[in-house]
Amino acid sequence: MKRVLFSLVAGRAKDVRLVGDFTDWEARPLIMDRMKPRSRTFAAAVSLPPGTYQYKFIVDGQWVEDPKADSVPNQFGTQNLAITIED
């Protein structure tokens, strides 16, 4: 298992969640916290075994991608973010 820090700059957001194939998408979203009080960056640490994972963020109820992350097409005609965890 490797501990991975997911982060997103989300300005004035009130609620930021991390969802992906490792959370059964919306079934078990992870609540992200501000890295510091009044910070614009939200983060969540997740322990994952090696593999490739797809994920997205939900910011104040809206599905959001991180433009700095790699993306892959999904079945809904939009993009998911992708990360590969190596040993």
Protein backbone atom coordinates (compact mmCIF):
# COMPACT_ATOMS: atom_id res chain seq x y z
CA MET A 1 0.00 0.00 0.00
CA LYS A 2 1.17 3.47 -0.79
CA ARG A 3 -0.16 6.65 0.80
CA VAL A 4 -1.23 9.10 -1.91
CA LEU A 5 -2.16 12.73 -1.35
CA PHE A 6 -4.92 13.98 -3.63
CA SER A 7 -5.32 17.76 -3.74
CA LEU A 8 -7.36 20.33 -5.60
CA VAL A 9 -7.33 24.11 -5.63
CA ALA A 10 -11.01 24.97 -5.20
CA GLY A 11 -11.06 28.64 -4.20
CA ARG A 12 -14.24 29.46 -2.31
CA ALA A 13 -15.65 25.93 -2.24
CA LYS A 14 -17.46 24.83 0.89
CA ASP A 15 -17.59 21.06 0.27
CA VAL A 16 -15.00 19.07 -1.71
CA ARG A 17 -15.12 15.30 -2.04
CA LEU A 18 -12.89 12.75 -3.72
CA VAL A 19 -14.61 9.91 -5.58
CA GLY A 20 -13.21 7.16 -7.74
CA ASP A 21 -13.11 3.48 -8.43
CA PHE A 22 -11.35 3.10 -5.04
CA THR A 23 -14.41 4.63 -3.25
CA ASP A 24 -17.08 2.89 -5.35
CA TRP A 25 -17.54 6.38 -6.81
CA GLU A 26 -20.44 8.09 -5.05
CA ALA A 27 -21.07 5.18 -2.66
CA ARG A 28 -18.25 6.18 -0.27
CA PRO A 29 -16.93 9.65 -1.16
CA LEU A 30 -13.98 10.95 0.84
CA ILE A 31 -14.42 14.40 2.35
CA MET A 32 -11.43 16.60 1.59
CA ASP A 33 -10.18 19.16 4.09
CA ARG A 34 -8.47 22.50 3.53
CA MET A 35 -4.72 22.07 3.82
CA LYS A 36 -4.57 25.15 6.10
CA PRO A 37 -7.26 27.47 7.44
CA ARG A 38 -8.47 29.76 4.64
CA SER A 39 -6.37 27.84 2.12
CA ARG A 40 -7.76 27.45 -1.39
CA THR A 41 -6.34 23.90 -1.57
CA PHE A 42 -8.28 20.87 -0.34
CA ALA A 43 -6.59 17.52 0.25
CA ALA A 44 -7.21 13.91 1.25
CA ALA A 45 -4.70 11.11 1.81
CA VAL A 46 -5.58 7.60 0.66
CA SER A 47 -3.65 4.33 1.00
CA LEU A 48 -3.80 2.37 -2.26
CA PRO A 49 -2.17 -0.82 -3.51
CA PRO A 50 -0.25 -0.69 -6.80
CA GLY A 51 -2.47 -0.25 -9.85
CA THR A 52 -4.18 2.32 -12.04
CA TYR A 53 -7.16 4.20 -10.65
CA GLN A 54 -9.73 6.61 -12.03
CA TYR A 55 -11.19 9.41 -9.94
CA LYS A 56 -12.85 12.84 -9.91
CA PHE A 57 -13.70 15.56 -7.44
CA ILE A 58 -17.15 16.79 -6.44
CA VAL A 59 -17.03 20.48 -5.53
CA ASP A 60 -20.20 21.90 -3.99
CA GLY A 61 -22.22 19.22 -5.79
CA GLN A 62 -20.54 19.64 -9.21
CA TRP A 63 -18.27 17.00 -10.79
CA VAL A 64 -14.86 18.59 -11.41
CA GLU A 65 -11.62 17.54 -13.08
CA ASP A 66 -8.16 18.78 -12.17
CA PRO A 67 -6.60 20.31 -15.31
CA LYS A 68 -3.12 19.40 -14.00
CA ALA A 69 -3.87 15.65 -13.81
CA ASP A 70 -3.87 12.99 -16.52
CA SER A 71 -7.33 12.14 -17.84
CA VAL A 72 -9.02 9.31 -19.71
CA PRO A 73 -12.43 9.16 -21.44
CA ASN A 74 -15.27 7.60 -19.47
CA GLN A 75 -18.55 5.92 -20.47
CA PHE A 76 -20.51 9.17 -19.97
CA GLY A 77 -18.68 11.08 -22.70
CA THR A 78 -16.61 13.12 -20.24
CA GLN A 79 -13.20 12.58 -18.68
CA ASN A 80 -12.02 10.89 -15.50
CA LEU A 81 -8.69 11.61 -13.89
CA ALA A 82 -6.20 8.74 -13.79
CA ILE A 83 -3.32 7.87 -11.50
CA THR A 84 -0.95 4.90 -11.53
CA ILE A 85 0.53 3.71 -8.24
CA GLU A 86 3.73 1.72 -8.58
CA ASP A 87 5.53 -0.50 -6.05
